[in-house]
Amino acid sequence: MDLQSGEKVIYQGHPSWRAILGFYLKGALVGAAAGVIAALIKSVSLGVVTFLIVLAVTIVVGFVKRVATVYTITDRRLNIKVGIISRKVQETRLQRVQNVNFGQGVYERIMQIGDVEFTTAGTDESNFVFAGVAQPEEVVQNVERATPILSGLQGEAEGTA
């Protein structure tokens, strides 16, 4: 991400490795099924090799998928960058952010991961999601730190009431 003059990075991260565990588990199950089929058709050694190949491909794809996704919060913008060879960049100014929410199911609570959703002014297509981040409540706090003017006004309003 190219920073503008005077812009500061408040948070930069990737989806947590714990968020990719489900992907790895599915890959291992597919590899096991393919290995069993290969073992029944040809031989046990072919089944083992098939399983190991599918597992290795799953691990590499999951790692690349995780590393190739970068979430950035600066004092001015939100940015999601996905991809290595082809790239998709989604960006918005912090002033456009209307709501910041995070969600965690039971599995996500146990794994301490979650999705942070930023609702922005405009169409539904302009919503941002930092998917599978570790400690999502800290990401929300980072956004609050990135918007000191808004936080200051809220604190002032609470203090004067």
Protein backbone atom coordinates (compact mmCIF):
# COMPACT_ATOMS: atom_id res chain seq x y z
CA MET A 1 0.00 0.00 0.00
CA ASP A 2 1.39 3.37 -0.98
CA LEU A 3 1.11 5.77 1.94
CA GLN A 4 0.24 9.40 1.40
CA SER A 5 2.35 12.14 2.91
CA GLY A 6 2.01 12.07 6.70
CA GLU A 7 -0.19 8.96 6.72
CA LYS A 8 0.50 6.42 9.48
CA VAL A 9 -0.23 2.69 9.54
CA ILE A 10 -2.22 1.77 12.64
CA TYR A 11 -2.81 -1.91 11.86
CA GLN A 12 -1.56 -4.30 9.21
CA GLY A 13 -2.21 -8.01 9.19
CA HIS A 14 -3.31 -11.15 7.43
CA PRO A 15 -6.06 -13.64 8.15
CA SER A 16 -4.96 -15.69 11.15
CA TRP A 17 -3.42 -19.10 10.54
CA ARG A 18 -6.19 -20.42 12.80
CA ALA A 19 -8.76 -19.19 10.28
CA ILE A 20 -7.19 -21.41 7.61
CA LEU A 21 -7.39 -24.60 9.73
CA GLY A 22 -10.87 -25.39 8.40
CA PHE A 23 -9.51 -25.18 4.85
CA TYR A 24 -6.66 -27.54 5.80
CA LEU A 25 -9.07 -29.99 7.40
CA LYS A 26 -11.26 -30.08 4.29
CA GLY A 27 -8.17 -30.60 2.12
CA ALA A 28 -7.02 -33.46 4.34
CA LEU A 29 -10.46 -35.09 4.09
CA VAL A 30 -10.48 -34.74 0.30
CA GLY A 31 -6.92 -36.13 0.22
CA ALA A 32 -7.94 -39.08 2.40
CA ALA A 33 -10.94 -39.82 0.16
CA ALA A 34 -8.78 -39.58 -2.98
CA GLY A 35 -6.15 -41.78 -1.31
CA VAL A 36 -8.70 -44.45 -0.41
CA ILE A 37 -10.09 -44.45 -3.96
CA ALA A 38 -6.58 -44.68 -5.44
CA ALA A 39 -5.71 -47.51 -3.02
CA LEU A 40 -8.84 -49.44 -3.99
CA ILE A 41 -8.25 -48.96 -7.71
CA LYS A 42 -4.50 -49.53 -7.93
CA SER A 43 -2.44 -49.99 -4.74
CA VAL A 44 -1.99 -48.81 -1.17
CA SER A 45 1.25 -47.02 -2.05
CA LEU A 46 -0.55 -45.02 -4.77
CA GLY A 47 -3.23 -44.16 -2.20
CA VAL A 48 -0.62 -42.85 0.24
CA VAL A 49 1.12 -40.83 -2.47
CA THR A 50 -2.23 -39.39 -3.62
CA PHE A 51 -3.10 -38.38 -0.06
CA LEU A 52 0.30 -36.73 0.46
CA ILE A 53 0.10 -34.82 -2.83
CA VAL A 54 -3.40 -33.49 -2.11
CA LEU A 55 -2.35 -32.57 1.45
CA ALA A 56 0.78 -30.76 0.22
CA VAL A 57 -1.18 -28.81 -2.40
CA THR A 58 -3.77 -27.88 0.25
CA ILE A 59 -1.09 -26.61 2.64
CA VAL A 60 0.62 -24.54 -0.07
CA VAL A 61 -2.66 -23.07 -1.36
CA GLY A 62 -3.84 -22.23 2.17
CA PHE A 63 -0.53 -20.57 3.03
CA VAL A 64 -0.48 -18.52 -0.18
CA LYS A 65 -4.13 -17.56 0.28
CA ARG A 66 -3.36 -16.31 3.80
CA VAL A 67 -0.13 -14.49 2.98
CA ALA A 68 -1.57 -12.94 -0.19
CA THR A 69 -4.33 -11.21 1.79
CA VAL A 70 -3.25 -8.03 3.59
CA TYR A 71 -5.53 -5.89 5.74
CA THR A 72 -4.35 -2.34 6.51
CA ILE A 73 -5.80 0.43 8.65
CA THR A 74 -4.14 3.83 8.48
CA ASP A 75 -5.16 7.07 10.09
CA ARG A 76 -6.96 7.91 6.81
CA ARG A 77 -7.99 4.71 5.01
CA LEU A 78 -9.00 1.06 5.15
CA ASN A 79 -7.35 -1.21 2.60
CA ILE A 80 -7.78 -4.87 1.63
CA LYS A 81 -5.24 -6.26 -0.83
CA VAL A 82 -5.71 -9.80 -2.17
CA GLY A 83 -3.49 -11.68 -4.61
CA ILE A 84 0.08 -12.15 -5.70
CA ILE A 85 0.06 -12.41 -9.50
CA SER A 86 -3.35 -10.89 -10.11
CA ARG A 87 -4.37 -8.41 -7.48
CA LYS A 88 -7.64 -7.04 -6.13
CA VAL A 89 -7.49 -3.93 -3.95
CA GLN A 90 -10.44 -2.58 -2.01
CA GLU A 91 -10.03 0.77 -0.28
CA THR A 92 -12.12 3.44 1.41
CA ARG A 93 -11.55 6.56 3.47
CA LEU A 94 -12.19 6.27 7.20
CA GLN A 95 -14.69 9.14 7.00
CA ARG A 96 -16.97 6.83 4.98
CA VAL A 97 -17.07 4.17 7.70
CA GLN A 98 -20.45 4.27 9.43
CA ASN A 99 -20.35 1.10 11.55
CA VAL A 100 -17.72 -1.38 12.67
CA ASN A 101 -18.95 -4.78 13.85
CA PHE A 102 -17.30 -8.11 14.46
CA GLY A 103 -18.80 -11.54 14.56
CA GLN A 104 -17.65 -14.78 16.12
CA GLY A 105 -19.39 -18.13 16.18
CA VAL A 106 -18.57 -20.79 18.76
CA TYR A 107 -15.64 -22.13 16.71
CA GLU A 108 -14.30 -18.62 16.12
CA ARG A 109 -14.55 -17.78 19.85
CA ILE A 110 -12.58 -20.89 20.72
CA MET A 111 -9.96 -20.11 18.05
CA GLN A 112 -9.92 -16.38 18.97
CA ILE A 113 -10.64 -15.30 15.40
CA GLY A 114 -13.48 -13.43 13.76
CA ASP A 115 -14.67 -11.26 10.93
CA VAL A 116 -14.62 -7.48 11.28
CA GLU A 117 -17.20 -5.81 9.05
CA PHE A 118 -17.02 -2.15 8.13
CA THR A 119 -20.26 -0.66 6.82
CA THR A 120 -19.48 2.31 4.63
CA ALA A 121 -21.57 5.11 3.19
CA GLY A 122 -22.86 4.24 -0.25
CA THR A 123 -24.01 0.97 -1.74
CA ASP A 124 -23.94 -2.49 -0.20
CA GLU A 125 -21.01 -3.29 -2.49
CA SER A 126 -18.84 -0.84 -0.58
CA ASN A 127 -18.78 -2.94 2.62
CA PHE A 128 -15.42 -4.19 3.83
CA VAL A 129 -14.75 -7.39 5.73
CA PHE A 130 -11.47 -8.30 7.38
CA ALA A 131 -12.16 -12.06 7.40
CA GLY A 132 -10.59 -14.46 9.86
CA VAL A 133 -8.48 -11.96 11.80
CA ALA A 134 -6.99 -12.82 15.17
CA GLN A 135 -8.41 -10.85 18.10
CA PRO A 136 -11.13 -9.00 16.12
CA GLU A 137 -11.98 -6.75 19.07
CA GLU A 138 -8.44 -5.34 18.87
CA VAL A 139 -8.97 -4.54 15.18
CA VAL A 140 -12.13 -2.63 16.14
CA GLN A 141 -10.13 -0.73 18.77
CA ASN A 142 -7.50 0.10 16.14
CA VAL A 143 -10.20 1.65 13.96
CA GLU A 144 -11.37 3.71 16.92
CA ARG A 145 -7.77 4.87 17.45
CA ALA A 146 -7.53 5.73 13.76
CA THR A 147 -10.46 8.11 14.09
CA PRO A 148 -9.43 10.29 17.05
CA ILE A 149 -11.68 13.17 16.02
CA LEU A 150 -14.79 10.99 16.07
CA SER A 151 -13.71 9.27 19.30
CA GLY A 152 -13.00 12.66 20.87
CA LEU A 153 -16.43 13.98 19.95
CA GLN A 154 -18.12 10.90 21.36
CA GLY A 155 -16.15 11.18 24.60
CA GLU A 156 -16.98 14.88 24.82
CA ALA A 157 -20.69 14.23 24.32
CA GLU A 158 -20.66 11.56 27.03
CA GLY A 159 -18.73 13.82 29.42
CA THR A 160 -21.12 16.77 29.01
CA ALA A 161 -24.31 14.78 29.51
